[in-house]
């Protein structure tokens, strides 16, 4: 029995080391930044807006770096595939909800954005259960970019002066991109997922 336990541990060690790589560490750091970001945003002190913006941009940068490094270093793992989209949604959802709490974003718009994110995640989960791979789309990348720009501008909207209209305009752009990418994602992939379940 002891020999079997030792062999199990020895077999799991390489898998554990593969999961704890640099790309996945960056993804985990994005999740760990979220509570700090929320506290900074909701603590209205001098300079907190710029600190919050810096934290959000650093977290957003890890979203690009983890995927880039995973492909470059050939360290794409099942853990990374699970954590990366979850970390993205945790970051954007927490930021948007904080902005609602600060009165900088309408609650209904944020609800629409978050609902889309969870709907797409549900479709991905159904696809994964049937070993169906759903590729990312250009519309999804546009959605992510507009959300990052919108959140960034909303965080420092009080400091924009004559350019303060950029924040609400960017939020509308993010909403449109989010809805379009969500509809496009379901139209493009919904049938293949349903077919996989039917088979």
C-alpha atoms as a PDB file:
ATOM      1  CA  UNK A   1       0.000   0.000   0.000  1.00  0.00           C
ATOM      2  CA  UNK A   2       2.820   2.407   0.914  1.00  0.00           C
ATOM      3  CA  UNK A   3       4.583   1.570  -2.347  1.00  0.00           C
ATOM      4  CA  UNK A   4       1.409   2.375  -4.304  1.00  0.00           C
ATOM      5  CA  UNK A   5       1.044   5.731  -2.515  1.00  0.00           C
ATOM      6  CA  UNK A   6       4.634   6.630  -3.268  1.00  0.00           C
ATOM      7  CA  UNK A   7       4.231   5.717  -6.926  1.00  0.00           C
ATOM      8  CA  UNK A   8       1.059   7.815  -7.135  1.00  0.00           C
ATOM      9  CA  UNK A   9       2.906  10.782  -5.675  1.00  0.00           C
ATOM     10  CA  UNK A  10       5.804  10.289  -8.041  1.00  0.00           C
ATOM     11  CA  UNK A  11       3.424  10.132 -11.004  1.00  0.00           C
ATOM     12  CA  UNK A  12       1.557  13.262  -9.937  1.00  0.00           C
ATOM     13  CA  UNK A  13       4.710  15.309  -9.295  1.00  0.00           C
ATOM     14  CA  UNK A  14       5.467  16.037 -12.998  1.00  0.00           C
ATOM     15  CA  UNK A  15       1.834  17.002 -13.581  1.00  0.00           C
ATOM     16  CA  UNK A  16       1.933  19.333 -10.580  1.00  0.00           C
ATOM     17  CA  UNK A  17       5.157  20.967 -11.782  1.00  0.00           C
ATOM     18  CA  UNK A  18       3.642  21.380 -15.260  1.00  0.00           C
ATOM     19  CA  UNK A  19       0.615  23.127 -13.795  1.00  0.00           C
ATOM     20  CA  UNK A  20       2.685  25.497 -11.642  1.00  0.00           C
ATOM     21  CA  UNK A  21       4.419  27.244 -14.527  1.00  0.00           C
ATOM     22  CA  UNK A  22       5.007  30.943 -15.215  1.00  0.00           C
ATOM     23  CA  UNK A  23       1.896  31.517 -17.384  1.00  0.00           C
ATOM     24  CA  UNK A  24      -0.361  29.974 -14.735  1.00  0.00           C
ATOM     25  CA  UNK A  25       1.407  31.959 -12.007  1.00  0.00           C
ATOM     26  CA  UNK A  26       0.579  35.148 -13.936  1.00  0.00           C
ATOM     27  CA  UNK A  27      -3.043  34.038 -14.212  1.00  0.00           C
ATOM     28  CA  UNK A  28      -3.199  33.407 -10.464  1.00  0.00           C
ATOM     29  CA  UNK A  29      -1.639  36.817  -9.815  1.00  0.00           C
ATOM     30  CA  UNK A  30      -4.485  38.390 -11.791  1.00  0.00           C
ATOM     31  CA  UNK A  31      -6.988  36.767  -9.448  1.00  0.00           C
ATOM     32  CA  UNK A  32      -5.006  37.820  -6.364  1.00  0.00           C
ATOM     33  CA  UNK A  33      -4.905  41.443  -7.545  1.00  0.00           C
ATOM     34  CA  UNK A  34      -8.714  41.610  -7.667  1.00  0.00           C
ATOM     35  CA  UNK A  35      -9.456  42.047  -3.913  1.00  0.00           C
ATOM     36  CA  UNK A  36      -6.706  44.673  -3.649  1.00  0.00           C
ATOM     37  CA  UNK A  37      -8.152  46.489  -6.659  1.00  0.00           C
ATOM     38  CA  UNK A  38     -11.649  46.502  -5.163  1.00  0.00           C
ATOM     39  CA  UNK A  39     -10.417  47.868  -1.836  1.00  0.00           C
ATOM     40  CA  UNK A  40      -8.418  50.610  -3.557  1.00  0.00           C
ATOM     41  CA  UNK A  41     -11.304  51.618  -5.822  1.00  0.00           C
ATOM     42  CA  UNK A  42     -13.836  51.750  -2.995  1.00  0.00           C
ATOM     43  CA  UNK A  43     -11.491  53.638  -0.676  1.00  0.00           C
ATOM     44  CA  UNK A  44     -11.848  57.174  -1.900  1.00  0.00           C
ATOM     45  CA  UNK A  45      -8.555  58.715  -0.876  1.00  0.00           C
ATOM     46  CA  UNK A  46      -6.174  61.036  -2.650  1.00  0.00           C
ATOM     47  CA  UNK A  47      -4.550  59.211  -5.549  1.00  0.00           C
ATOM     48  CA  UNK A  48      -6.623  56.036  -5.131  1.00  0.00           C
ATOM     49  CA  UNK A  49      -8.032  56.407  -8.652  1.00  0.00           C
ATOM     50  CA  UNK A  50      -4.592  56.315 -10.247  1.00  0.00           C
ATOM     51  CA  UNK A  51      -3.459  53.470  -7.999  1.00  0.00           C
ATOM     52  CA  UNK A  52      -6.600  51.569  -8.960  1.00  0.00           C
ATOM     53  CA  UNK A  53      -5.979  52.292 -12.632  1.00  0.00           C
ATOM     54  CA  UNK A  54      -2.410  51.032 -12.308  1.00  0.00           C
ATOM     55  CA  UNK A  55      -3.521  47.825 -10.611  1.00  0.00           C
ATOM     56  CA  UNK A  56      -6.199  47.208 -13.210  1.00  0.00           C
ATOM     57  CA  UNK A  57      -3.813  47.773 -16.122  1.00  0.00           C
ATOM     58  CA  UNK A  58      -1.180  45.501 -14.569  1.00  0.00           C
ATOM     59  CA  UNK A  59      -3.801  42.780 -14.111  1.00  0.00           C
ATOM     60  CA  UNK A  60      -4.997  43.271 -17.690  1.00  0.00           C
ATOM     61  CA  UNK A  61      -1.418  43.011 -18.946  1.00  0.00           C
ATOM     62  CA  UNK A  62      -1.050  39.594 -17.317  1.00  0.00           C
ATOM     63  CA  UNK A  63      -4.021  38.481 -19.445  1.00  0.00           C
ATOM     64  CA  UNK A  64      -1.920  39.072 -22.558  1.00  0.00           C
ATOM     65  CA  UNK A  65       1.325  37.783 -21.083  1.00  0.00           C
ATOM     66  CA  UNK A  66       0.044  34.466 -19.734  1.00  0.00           C
ATOM     67  CA  UNK A  67      -1.385  33.402 -23.082  1.00  0.00           C
ATOM     68  CA  UNK A  68       1.644  34.643 -25.009  1.00  0.00           C
ATOM     69  CA  UNK A  69       4.117  32.882 -22.721  1.00  0.00           C
ATOM     70  CA  UNK A  70       2.077  29.675 -22.609  1.00  0.00           C
ATOM     71  CA  UNK A  71       2.196  29.435 -26.403  1.00  0.00           C
ATOM     72  CA  UNK A  72       5.794  30.621 -26.701  1.00  0.00           C
ATOM     73  CA  UNK A  73       7.108  28.236 -24.036  1.00  0.00           C
ATOM     74  CA  UNK A  74       4.711  25.435 -25.025  1.00  0.00           C
ATOM     75  CA  UNK A  75       3.243  25.398 -21.526  1.00  0.00           C
ATOM     76  CA  UNK A  76      -0.451  25.282 -22.359  1.00  0.00           C
ATOM     77  CA  UNK A  77      -2.061  23.216 -19.583  1.00  0.00           C
ATOM     78  CA  UNK A  78      -5.545  22.108 -18.600  1.00  0.00           C
ATOM     79  CA  UNK A  79      -5.216  24.237 -15.458  1.00  0.00           C
ATOM     80  CA  UNK A  80      -4.367  27.288 -17.545  1.00  0.00           C
ATOM     81  CA  UNK A  81      -7.313  26.713 -19.872  1.00  0.00           C
ATOM     82  CA  UNK A  82      -9.580  26.625 -16.824  1.00  0.00           C
ATOM     83  CA  UNK A  83      -8.057  29.511 -14.876  1.00  0.00           C
ATOM     84  CA  UNK A  84      -7.476  32.047 -17.662  1.00  0.00           C
ATOM     85  CA  UNK A  85     -11.115  32.741 -18.673  1.00  0.00           C
ATOM     86  CA  UNK A  86     -12.181  32.561 -15.022  1.00  0.00           C
ATOM     87  CA  UNK A  87      -9.544  35.134 -14.042  1.00  0.00           C
ATOM     88  CA  UNK A  88     -10.662  37.442 -16.867  1.00  0.00           C
ATOM     89  CA  UNK A  89     -14.271  37.349 -15.744  1.00  0.00           C
ATOM     90  CA  UNK A  90     -13.408  37.785 -12.067  1.00  0.00           C
ATOM     91  CA  UNK A  91     -11.301  40.853 -12.888  1.00  0.00           C
ATOM     92  CA  UNK A  92     -13.770  42.619 -15.192  1.00  0.00           C
ATOM     93  CA  UNK A  93     -16.820  41.715 -13.091  1.00  0.00           C
ATOM     94  CA  UNK A  94     -15.206  42.963  -9.872  1.00  0.00           C
ATOM     95  CA  UNK A  95     -14.088  46.182 -11.555  1.00  0.00           C
ATOM     96  CA  UNK A  96     -17.499  46.871 -13.091  1.00  0.00           C
ATOM     97  CA  UNK A  97     -19.348  46.087  -9.841  1.00  0.00           C
ATOM     98  CA  UNK A  98     -17.002  48.427  -7.954  1.00  0.00           C
ATOM     99  CA  UNK A  99     -17.745  51.164 -10.504  1.00  0.00           C
ATOM    100  CA  UNK A 100     -21.478  50.645  -9.922  1.00  0.00           C
ATOM    101  CA  UNK A 101     -20.877  51.038  -6.198  1.00  0.00           C
ATOM    102  CA  UNK A 102     -19.063  54.310  -6.894  1.00  0.00           C
ATOM    103  CA  UNK A 103     -21.923  55.561  -9.065  1.00  0.00           C
ATOM    104  CA  UNK A 104     -19.697  55.637 -12.150  1.00  0.00           C
ATOM    105  CA  UNK A 105     -21.535  52.968 -14.169  1.00  0.00           C
ATOM    106  CA  UNK A 106     -25.270  52.164 -14.491  1.00  0.00           C
ATOM    107  CA  UNK A 107     -26.140  48.893 -12.777  1.00  0.00           C
ATOM    108  CA  UNK A 108     -28.260  47.611 -15.672  1.00  0.00           C
ATOM    109  CA  UNK A 109     -25.395  47.921 -18.143  1.00  0.00           C
ATOM    110  CA  UNK A 110     -23.053  46.038 -15.848  1.00  0.00           C
ATOM    111  CA  UNK A 111     -25.681  43.317 -15.321  1.00  0.00           C
ATOM    112  CA  UNK A 112     -25.927  42.871 -19.103  1.00  0.00           C
ATOM    113  CA  UNK A 113     -22.147  42.632 -19.456  1.00  0.00           C
ATOM    114  CA  UNK A 114     -21.756  40.104 -16.618  1.00  0.00           C
ATOM    115  CA  UNK A 115     -24.723  38.033 -17.835  1.00  0.00           C
ATOM    116  CA  UNK A 116     -23.097  37.729 -21.260  1.00  0.00           C
ATOM    117  CA  UNK A 117     -19.844  36.582 -19.691  1.00  0.00           C
ATOM    118  CA  UNK A 118     -21.516  33.838 -17.664  1.00  0.00           C
ATOM    119  CA  UNK A 119     -23.661  32.749 -20.613  1.00  0.00           C
ATOM    120  CA  UNK A 120     -20.582  32.296 -22.790  1.00  0.00           C
ATOM    121  CA  UNK A 121     -18.806  30.477 -19.945  1.00  0.00           C
ATOM    122  CA  UNK A 122     -21.765  28.100 -19.673  1.00  0.00           C
ATOM    123  CA  UNK A 123     -21.603  27.343 -23.395  1.00  0.00           C
ATOM    124  CA  UNK A 124     -17.857  26.719 -23.116  1.00  0.00           C
ATOM    125  CA  UNK A 125     -18.447  24.332 -20.208  1.00  0.00           C
ATOM    126  CA  UNK A 126     -21.047  22.404 -22.190  1.00  0.00           C
ATOM    127  CA  UNK A 127     -18.658  22.202 -25.135  1.00  0.00           C
ATOM    128  CA  UNK A 128     -15.781  21.030 -22.937  1.00  0.00           C
ATOM    129  CA  UNK A 129     -17.991  18.288 -21.499  1.00  0.00           C
ATOM    130  CA  UNK A 130     -18.333  16.913 -25.040  1.00  0.00           C
ATOM    131  CA  UNK A 131     -14.683  17.509 -25.974  1.00  0.00           C
ATOM    132  CA  UNK A 132     -15.687  20.284 -28.374  1.00  0.00           C
ATOM    133  CA  UNK A 133     -13.124  23.080 -28.686  1.00  0.00           C
ATOM    134  CA  UNK A 134     -14.601  26.560 -29.173  1.00  0.00           C
ATOM    135  CA  UNK A 135     -12.070  28.907 -30.717  1.00  0.00           C
ATOM    136  CA  UNK A 136     -11.846  32.542 -29.666  1.00  0.00           C
ATOM    137  CA  UNK A 137     -13.165  35.055 -32.179  1.00  0.00           C
ATOM    138  CA  UNK A 138     -12.033  38.489 -33.302  1.00  0.00           C
ATOM    139  CA  UNK A 139     -15.262  39.944 -31.872  1.00  0.00           C
ATOM    140  CA  UNK A 140     -14.319  38.517 -28.488  1.00  0.00           C
ATOM    141  CA  UNK A 141     -10.939  40.233 -28.622  1.00  0.00           C
ATOM    142  CA  UNK A 142     -12.621  43.529 -29.537  1.00  0.00           C
ATOM    143  CA  UNK A 143     -14.990  43.034 -26.608  1.00  0.00           C
ATOM    144  CA  UNK A 144     -12.106  42.512 -24.201  1.00  0.00           C
ATOM    145  CA  UNK A 145     -10.273  45.585 -25.492  1.00  0.00           C
ATOM    146  CA  UNK A 146     -13.315  47.860 -25.240  1.00  0.00           C
ATOM    147  CA  UNK A 147     -14.039  46.636 -21.723  1.00  0.00           C
ATOM    148  CA  UNK A 148     -10.473  47.354 -20.596  1.00  0.00           C
ATOM    149  CA  UNK A 149     -10.589  50.844 -22.137  1.00  0.00           C
ATOM    150  CA  UNK A 150     -14.015  51.543 -20.630  1.00  0.00           C
ATOM    151  CA  UNK A 151     -13.082  50.420 -17.119  1.00  0.00           C
ATOM    152  CA  UNK A 152      -9.836  52.411 -17.278  1.00  0.00           C
ATOM    153  CA  UNK A 153     -11.597  55.615 -18.329  1.00  0.00           C
ATOM    154  CA  UNK A 154     -14.385  55.157 -15.781  1.00  0.00           C
ATOM    155  CA  UNK A 155     -11.874  54.692 -12.948  1.00  0.00           C
ATOM    156  CA  UNK A 156     -10.299  58.100 -13.668  1.00  0.00           C
ATOM    157  CA  UNK A 157     -13.435  59.775 -15.057  1.00  0.00           C
ATOM    158  CA  UNK A 158     -13.271  62.470 -12.362  1.00  0.00           C
ATOM    159  CA  UNK A 159      -9.816  63.434 -13.629  1.00  0.00           C
ATOM    160  CA  UNK A 160     -10.672  63.683 -17.331  1.00  0.00           C
ATOM    161  CA  UNK A 161     -11.920  67.261 -17.196  1.00  0.00           C
ATOM    162  CA  UNK A 162     -13.263  68.366 -20.578  1.00  0.00           C
ATOM    163  CA  UNK A 163     -12.837  64.809 -21.852  1.00  0.00           C
ATOM    164  CA  UNK A 164     -15.173  63.313 -19.243  1.00  0.00           C
ATOM    165  CA  UNK A 165     -17.639  62.259 -21.963  1.00  0.00           C
ATOM    166  CA  UNK A 166     -15.115  59.655 -23.107  1.00  0.00           C
ATOM    167  CA  UNK A 167     -15.952  57.441 -20.118  1.00  0.00           C
ATOM    168  CA  UNK A 168     -19.699  56.960 -20.760  1.00  0.00           C
ATOM    169  CA  UNK A 169     -19.132  56.725 -24.529  1.00  0.00           C
ATOM    170  CA  UNK A 170     -16.548  53.984 -23.975  1.00  0.00           C
ATOM    171  CA  UNK A 171     -18.979  52.136 -21.714  1.00  0.00           C
ATOM    172  CA  UNK A 172     -21.631  52.164 -24.446  1.00  0.00           C
ATOM    173  CA  UNK A 173     -19.031  50.919 -26.925  1.00  0.00           C
ATOM    174  CA  UNK A 174     -18.100  48.120 -24.528  1.00  0.00           C
ATOM    175  CA  UNK A 175     -21.763  47.197 -24.079  1.00  0.00           C
ATOM    176  CA  UNK A 176     -22.357  47.010 -27.836  1.00  0.00           C
ATOM    177  CA  UNK A 177     -19.176  44.979 -28.395  1.00  0.00           C
ATOM    178  CA  UNK A 178     -20.105  42.664 -25.516  1.00  0.00           C
ATOM    179  CA  UNK A 179     -23.623  42.004 -26.836  1.00  0.00           C
ATOM    180  CA  UNK A 180     -22.452  41.539 -30.415  1.00  0.00           C
ATOM    181  CA  UNK A 181     -19.644  39.152 -29.480  1.00  0.00           C
ATOM    182  CA  UNK A 182     -22.001  37.157 -27.267  1.00  0.00           C
ATOM    183  CA  UNK A 183     -24.631  36.781 -29.988  1.00  0.00           C
ATOM    184  CA  UNK A 184     -21.965  35.950 -32.565  1.00  0.00           C
ATOM    185  CA  UNK A 185     -20.461  33.348 -30.242  1.00  0.00           C
ATOM    186  CA  UNK A 186     -23.779  31.560 -29.714  1.00  0.00           C
ATOM    187  CA  UNK A 187     -24.752  31.694 -33.398  1.00  0.00           C
ATOM    188  CA  UNK A 188     -21.353  30.341 -34.469  1.00  0.00           C
ATOM    189  CA  UNK A 189     -20.986  27.647 -31.798  1.00  0.00           C
ATOM    190  CA  UNK A 190     -24.422  26.848 -30.423  1.00  0.00           C
ATOM    191  CA  UNK A 191     -25.342  24.358 -33.135  1.00  0.00           C
ATOM    192  CA  UNK A 192     -22.082  22.404 -32.869  1.00  0.00           C
ATOM    193  CA  UNK A 193     -22.486  22.092 -29.097  1.00  0.00           C
ATOM    194  CA  UNK A 194     -26.098  20.902 -29.413  1.00  0.00           C
ATOM    195  CA  UNK A 195     -25.086  18.459 -32.139  1.00  0.00           C
ATOM    196  CA  UNK A 196     -22.350  17.043 -29.913  1.00  0.00           C
ATOM    197  CA  UNK A 197     -24.879  16.440 -27.134  1.00  0.00           C
ATOM    198  CA  UNK A 198     -27.335  14.895 -29.576  1.00  0.00           C
ATOM    199  CA  UNK A 199     -24.737  12.461 -30.848  1.00  0.00           C
END
